[in-house]
Amino acid sequence: MATMASGGLTGAALPPDGLALALSGGGARAAYQVGVLRGIATKLPHTRFSIITGVSAGAINAAFLASRPGPLRDAVDERRRACRCSRVIVSRSSWRPVTGSRLPRPI
């Protein structure tokens, strides 16, 4: 099991000379993960993950990070821009069973 010791991670669960990143699933968590990863990339810009894995929304972030060979900060900034640009388009007919004939107001 990995433990924190003297400012770094140590333990048998980690690959030698490396870190593993596991990202959980759940809609909004993907955005939170990008924020946390941005903090890590700012404080530890040379961080490299030997293993990156995720579930559901976390798998999207994991695949994105794993596919970017450059510095963590560049990958996280690119992911942040991609999240900001994405929009969900919902047709009026898909909301009728939930809201009647009205669409919810934008936030």
N, C-alpha and C. Protein backbone atom coordinates (compact mmCIF):
# COMPACT_ATOMS: atom_id res chain seq x y z
N MET A 1 0.84 -1.18 0.00
CA MET A 1 0.00 0.00 0.00
C MET A 1 0.88 1.24 0.00
N ALA A 2 0.50 2.24 -0.80
CA ALA A 2 1.28 3.47 -0.89
C ALA A 2 1.02 4.36 0.32
N THR A 3 2.06 5.01 0.78
CA THR A 3 1.92 5.93 1.91
C THR A 3 2.69 7.20 1.63
N MET A 4 2.33 8.27 2.32
CA MET A 4 3.06 9.53 2.23
C MET A 4 4.19 9.48 3.25
N ALA A 5 5.39 9.78 2.82
CA ALA A 5 6.53 9.82 3.73
C ALA A 5 7.49 10.91 3.27
N SER A 6 7.83 11.80 4.17
CA SER A 6 8.77 12.89 3.92
C SER A 6 8.53 13.61 2.60
N GLY A 7 7.27 13.98 2.36
CA GLY A 7 6.94 14.79 1.20
C GLY A 7 6.80 14.03 -0.10
N GLY A 8 6.92 12.72 -0.11
CA GLY A 8 6.79 11.97 -1.35
C GLY A 8 6.03 10.68 -1.13
N LEU A 9 5.61 10.07 -2.21
CA LEU A 9 4.91 8.80 -2.12
C LEU A 9 5.91 7.66 -2.11
N THR A 10 5.69 6.70 -1.24
CA THR A 10 6.52 5.50 -1.22
C THR A 10 5.61 4.30 -1.01
N GLY A 11 6.06 3.13 -1.35
CA GLY A 11 5.28 1.94 -1.05
C GLY A 11 5.32 0.93 -2.18
N ALA A 12 4.97 -0.30 -1.86
CA ALA A 12 5.03 -1.38 -2.82
C ALA A 12 3.96 -1.27 -3.91
N ALA A 13 2.88 -0.55 -3.66
CA ALA A 13 1.80 -0.47 -4.64
C ALA A 13 2.15 0.42 -5.83
N LEU A 14 3.20 1.21 -5.71
CA LEU A 14 3.60 2.10 -6.80
C LEU A 14 4.64 1.42 -7.68
N PRO A 15 4.59 1.71 -8.99
CA PRO A 15 5.65 1.18 -9.84
C PRO A 15 6.98 1.82 -9.46
N PRO A 16 8.09 1.15 -9.69
CA PRO A 16 9.38 1.75 -9.35
C PRO A 16 9.57 3.06 -10.12
N ASP A 17 10.01 4.08 -9.42
CA ASP A 17 10.27 5.39 -10.04
C ASP A 17 9.06 5.97 -10.75
N GLY A 18 7.87 5.71 -10.27
CA GLY A 18 6.70 6.24 -10.95
C GLY A 18 5.52 6.44 -10.04
N LEU A 19 4.53 7.11 -10.60
CA LEU A 19 3.28 7.35 -9.90
C LEU A 19 2.13 6.79 -10.72
N ALA A 20 1.08 6.38 -10.04
CA ALA A 20 -0.13 5.93 -10.70
C ALA A 20 -1.23 6.95 -10.43
N LEU A 21 -2.10 7.16 -11.40
CA LEU A 21 -3.22 8.09 -11.27
C LEU A 21 -4.50 7.32 -11.55
N ALA A 22 -5.43 7.31 -10.59
CA ALA A 22 -6.73 6.66 -10.76
C ALA A 22 -7.81 7.73 -10.62
N LEU A 23 -8.64 7.87 -11.64
CA LEU A 23 -9.69 8.90 -11.66
C LEU A 23 -11.05 8.23 -11.60
N SER A 24 -11.87 8.65 -10.64
CA SER A 24 -13.19 8.06 -10.46
C SER A 24 -14.18 8.63 -11.46
N GLY A 25 -15.33 8.01 -11.52
CA GLY A 25 -16.37 8.46 -12.43
C GLY A 25 -17.37 9.38 -11.76
N GLY A 26 -18.27 9.90 -12.55
CA GLY A 26 -19.31 10.79 -12.05
C GLY A 26 -19.22 12.14 -12.72
N GLY A 27 -20.28 12.53 -13.40
CA GLY A 27 -20.36 13.74 -14.21
C GLY A 27 -19.46 14.90 -13.85
N ALA A 28 -19.75 15.61 -12.78
CA ALA A 28 -19.01 16.83 -12.44
C ALA A 28 -17.60 16.53 -11.97
N ARG A 29 -17.34 15.30 -11.54
CA ARG A 29 -16.00 14.97 -11.06
C ARG A 29 -14.95 15.16 -12.14
N ALA A 30 -15.32 14.98 -13.40
CA ALA A 30 -14.36 15.16 -14.49
C ALA A 30 -13.81 16.58 -14.48
N ALA A 31 -14.68 17.54 -14.26
CA ALA A 31 -14.23 18.94 -14.21
C ALA A 31 -13.39 19.19 -12.96
N TYR A 32 -13.79 18.62 -11.83
CA TYR A 32 -13.02 18.78 -10.60
C TYR A 32 -11.63 18.17 -10.77
N GLN A 33 -11.58 17.02 -11.44
CA GLN A 33 -10.30 16.36 -11.67
C GLN A 33 -9.35 17.25 -12.45
N VAL A 34 -9.88 17.93 -13.46
CA VAL A 34 -9.04 18.82 -14.26
C VAL A 34 -8.48 19.93 -13.38
N GLY A 35 -9.29 20.45 -12.46
CA GLY A 35 -8.82 21.48 -11.54
C GLY A 35 -7.72 20.97 -10.62
N VAL A 36 -7.89 19.79 -10.08
CA VAL A 36 -6.88 19.21 -9.19
C VAL A 36 -5.60 18.92 -9.97
N LEU A 37 -5.75 18.37 -11.16
CA LEU A 37 -4.58 18.08 -11.98
C LEU A 37 -3.84 19.36 -12.37
N ARG A 38 -4.59 20.43 -12.57
CA ARG A 38 -3.95 21.72 -12.88
C ARG A 38 -3.10 22.19 -11.69
N GLY A 39 -3.64 22.00 -10.48
CA GLY A 39 -2.88 22.34 -9.28
C GLY A 39 -1.60 21.51 -9.16
N ILE A 40 -1.71 20.21 -9.43
CA ILE A 40 -0.53 19.34 -9.39
C ILE A 40 0.48 19.78 -10.44
N ALA A 41 0.00 20.06 -11.65
CA ALA A 41 0.90 20.47 -12.73
C ALA A 41 1.58 21.80 -12.44
N THR A 42 0.89 22.68 -11.71
CA THR A 42 1.49 23.97 -11.36
C THR A 42 2.58 23.80 -10.30
N LYS A 43 2.28 23.00 -9.29
CA LYS A 43 3.24 22.81 -8.19
C LYS A 43 4.36 21.83 -8.54
N LEU A 44 4.03 20.83 -9.34
CA LEU A 44 5.00 19.79 -9.70
C LEU A 44 5.02 19.62 -11.22
N PRO A 45 5.58 20.58 -11.95
CA PRO A 45 5.46 20.59 -13.41
C PRO A 45 6.11 19.41 -14.12
N HIS A 46 7.04 18.73 -13.49
CA HIS A 46 7.72 17.61 -14.14
C HIS A 46 7.10 16.26 -13.78
N THR A 47 5.92 16.28 -13.19
CA THR A 47 5.24 15.04 -12.79
C THR A 47 4.91 14.20 -14.01
N ARG A 48 5.20 12.93 -13.92
CA ARG A 48 4.84 11.96 -14.95
C ARG A 48 4.13 10.80 -14.26
N PHE A 49 3.09 10.30 -14.88
CA PHE A 49 2.36 9.16 -14.34
C PHE A 49 2.71 7.92 -15.16
N SER A 50 3.20 6.87 -14.48
CA SER A 50 3.51 5.62 -15.16
C SER A 50 2.24 4.86 -15.53
N ILE A 51 1.23 5.00 -14.70
CA ILE A 51 -0.06 4.33 -14.92
C ILE A 51 -1.16 5.37 -14.78
N ILE A 52 -2.05 5.42 -15.76
CA ILE A 52 -3.21 6.31 -15.70
C ILE A 52 -4.44 5.47 -16.00
N THR A 53 -5.41 5.50 -15.09
CA THR A 53 -6.63 4.73 -15.28
C THR A 53 -7.82 5.54 -14.79
N GLY A 54 -8.99 5.20 -15.27
CA GLY A 54 -10.19 5.90 -14.83
C GLY A 54 -11.45 5.13 -15.15
N VAL A 55 -12.54 5.56 -14.55
CA VAL A 55 -13.85 4.95 -14.75
C VAL A 55 -14.81 6.03 -15.19
N SER A 56 -15.62 5.74 -16.18
CA SER A 56 -16.67 6.65 -16.65
C SER A 56 -16.07 8.00 -17.03
N ALA A 57 -16.51 9.08 -16.42
CA ALA A 57 -15.98 10.41 -16.75
C ALA A 57 -14.48 10.49 -16.47
N GLY A 58 -14.03 9.79 -15.45
CA GLY A 58 -12.60 9.75 -15.16
C GLY A 58 -11.81 9.05 -16.26
N ALA A 59 -12.43 8.10 -16.94
CA ALA A 59 -11.77 7.40 -18.05
C ALA A 59 -11.54 8.34 -19.23
N ILE A 60 -12.45 9.29 -19.41
CA ILE A 60 -12.27 10.28 -20.49
C ILE A 60 -11.04 11.13 -20.19
N ASN A 61 -10.93 11.61 -18.96
CA ASN A 61 -9.74 12.39 -18.58
C ASN A 61 -8.48 11.53 -18.65
N ALA A 62 -8.57 10.28 -18.20
CA ALA A 62 -7.41 9.39 -18.21
C ALA A 62 -6.93 9.15 -19.64
N ALA A 63 -7.86 8.87 -20.55
CA ALA A 63 -7.48 8.64 -21.94
C ALA A 63 -6.86 9.89 -22.55
N PHE A 64 -7.42 11.04 -22.22
CA PHE A 64 -6.90 12.30 -22.74
C PHE A 64 -5.46 12.51 -22.26
N LEU A 65 -5.23 12.35 -20.95
CA LEU A 65 -3.88 12.55 -20.41
C LEU A 65 -2.89 11.52 -20.96
N ALA A 66 -3.32 10.28 -21.05
CA ALA A 66 -2.44 9.22 -21.53
C ALA A 66 -2.04 9.42 -22.99
N SER A 67 -2.88 10.10 -23.75
CA SER A 67 -2.59 10.30 -25.17
C SER A 67 -1.72 11.52 -25.44
N ARG A 68 -1.35 12.25 -24.41
CA ARG A 68 -0.53 13.46 -24.54
C ARG A 68 0.85 13.19 -23.97
N PRO A 69 1.88 13.10 -24.83
CA PRO A 69 3.22 12.75 -24.35
C PRO A 69 3.99 13.91 -23.71
N GLY A 70 3.55 15.12 -23.90
CA GLY A 70 4.27 16.30 -23.40
C GLY A 70 4.12 16.50 -21.91
N PRO A 71 4.54 17.67 -21.43
CA PRO A 71 4.43 17.98 -20.01
C PRO A 71 2.98 17.93 -19.51
N LEU A 72 2.82 17.55 -18.26
CA LEU A 72 1.49 17.45 -17.65
C LEU A 72 0.73 18.76 -17.77
N ARG A 73 1.39 19.87 -17.52
CA ARG A 73 0.69 21.16 -17.55
C ARG A 73 0.09 21.43 -18.93
N ASP A 74 0.81 21.13 -19.99
CA ASP A 74 0.29 21.34 -21.34
C ASP A 74 -0.95 20.48 -21.59
N ALA A 75 -0.89 19.21 -21.17
CA ALA A 75 -2.02 18.31 -21.36
C ALA A 75 -3.23 18.77 -20.56
N VAL A 76 -3.01 19.19 -19.32
CA VAL A 76 -4.12 19.64 -18.47
C VAL A 76 -4.73 20.93 -19.02
N ASP A 77 -3.89 21.86 -19.47
CA ASP A 77 -4.42 23.09 -20.05
C ASP A 77 -5.23 22.82 -21.31
N GLU A 78 -4.76 21.87 -22.12
CA GLU A 78 -5.51 21.50 -23.33
C GLU A 78 -6.85 20.87 -22.96
N ARG A 79 -6.85 20.01 -21.94
CA ARG A 79 -8.10 19.37 -21.49
C ARG A 79 -9.07 20.41 -20.94
N ARG A 80 -8.53 21.38 -20.21
CA ARG A 80 -9.36 22.45 -19.65
C ARG A 80 -10.03 23.25 -20.76
N ARG A 81 -9.27 23.57 -21.80
CA ARG A 81 -9.86 24.29 -22.94
C ARG A 81 -10.92 23.45 -23.62
N ALA A 82 -10.68 22.15 -23.76
CA ALA A 82 -11.66 21.26 -24.40
C ALA A 82 -12.95 21.19 -23.58
N CYS A 83 -12.82 21.16 -22.25
CA CYS A 83 -14.02 21.11 -21.39
C CYS A 83 -14.82 22.41 -21.51
N ARG A 84 -14.11 23.53 -21.61
CA ARG A 84 -14.78 24.81 -21.69
C ARG A 84 -15.55 24.97 -22.99
N CYS A 85 -15.06 24.34 -24.05
CA CYS A 85 -15.68 24.51 -25.36
C CYS A 85 -16.83 23.54 -25.61
N SER A 86 -16.92 22.47 -24.83
CA SER A 86 -17.95 21.48 -25.09
C SER A 86 -19.31 21.97 -24.61
N ARG A 87 -20.32 21.64 -25.36
CA ARG A 87 -21.69 22.01 -25.02
C ARG A 87 -22.59 20.78 -25.26
N VAL A 88 -23.57 20.64 -24.44
CA VAL A 88 -24.54 19.57 -24.63
C VAL A 88 -25.73 20.14 -25.36
N ILE A 89 -26.11 19.51 -26.45
CA ILE A 89 -27.26 19.96 -27.22
C ILE A 89 -28.40 18.98 -26.95
N VAL A 90 -29.51 19.50 -26.47
CA VAL A 90 -30.66 18.68 -26.14
C VAL A 90 -31.83 19.16 -26.97
N SER A 91 -32.51 18.23 -27.60
CA SER A 91 -33.68 18.64 -28.38
C SER A 91 -34.87 18.86 -27.45
N ARG A 92 -35.78 19.70 -27.87
CA ARG A 92 -36.97 20.02 -27.09
C ARG A 92 -37.78 18.76 -26.78
N SER A 93 -37.86 17.84 -27.72
CA SER A 93 -38.67 16.64 -27.50
C SER A 93 -38.11 15.75 -26.40
N SER A 94 -36.80 15.74 -26.18
CA SER A 94 -36.23 14.88 -25.14
C SER A 94 -36.54 15.40 -23.74
N TRP A 95 -36.91 16.68 -23.59
CA TRP A 95 -37.23 17.24 -22.28
C TRP A 95 -38.70 17.13 -21.93
N ARG A 96 -39.56 16.88 -22.88
CA ARG A 96 -41.01 16.87 -22.61
C ARG A 96 -41.43 15.92 -21.50
N PRO A 97 -40.92 14.70 -21.45
CA PRO A 97 -41.37 13.81 -20.37
C PRO A 97 -41.03 14.33 -18.98
N VAL A 98 -39.99 15.14 -18.87
CA VAL A 98 -39.54 15.62 -17.57
C VAL A 98 -40.15 16.98 -17.24
N THR A 99 -40.21 17.87 -18.20
CA THR A 99 -40.58 19.25 -17.92
C THR A 99 -41.88 19.69 -18.59
N GLY A 100 -42.62 18.80 -19.16
CA GLY A 100 -43.78 19.23 -19.93
C GLY A 100 -43.31 19.77 -21.27
N SER A 101 -43.81 20.92 -21.69
CA SER A 101 -43.39 21.46 -22.98
C SER A 101 -42.29 22.49 -22.85
N ARG A 102 -41.88 22.82 -21.62
CA ARG A 102 -40.85 23.85 -21.43
C ARG A 102 -39.48 23.24 -21.23
N LEU A 103 -38.48 23.91 -21.78
CA LEU A 103 -37.10 23.56 -21.49
C LEU A 103 -36.67 24.28 -20.22
N PRO A 104 -35.80 23.71 -19.41
CA PRO A 104 -35.32 24.42 -18.23
C PRO A 104 -34.55 25.68 -18.65
N ARG A 105 -34.57 26.69 -17.81
CA ARG A 105 -33.84 27.91 -18.09
C ARG A 105 -32.35 27.66 -17.99
N PRO A 106 -31.54 28.29 -18.86
CA PRO A 106 -30.08 28.14 -18.74
C PRO A 106 -29.59 28.72 -17.42
N ILE A 107 -28.54 28.15 -16.91
CA ILE A 107 -27.96 28.64 -15.66
C ILE A 107 -26.96 29.72 -15.95
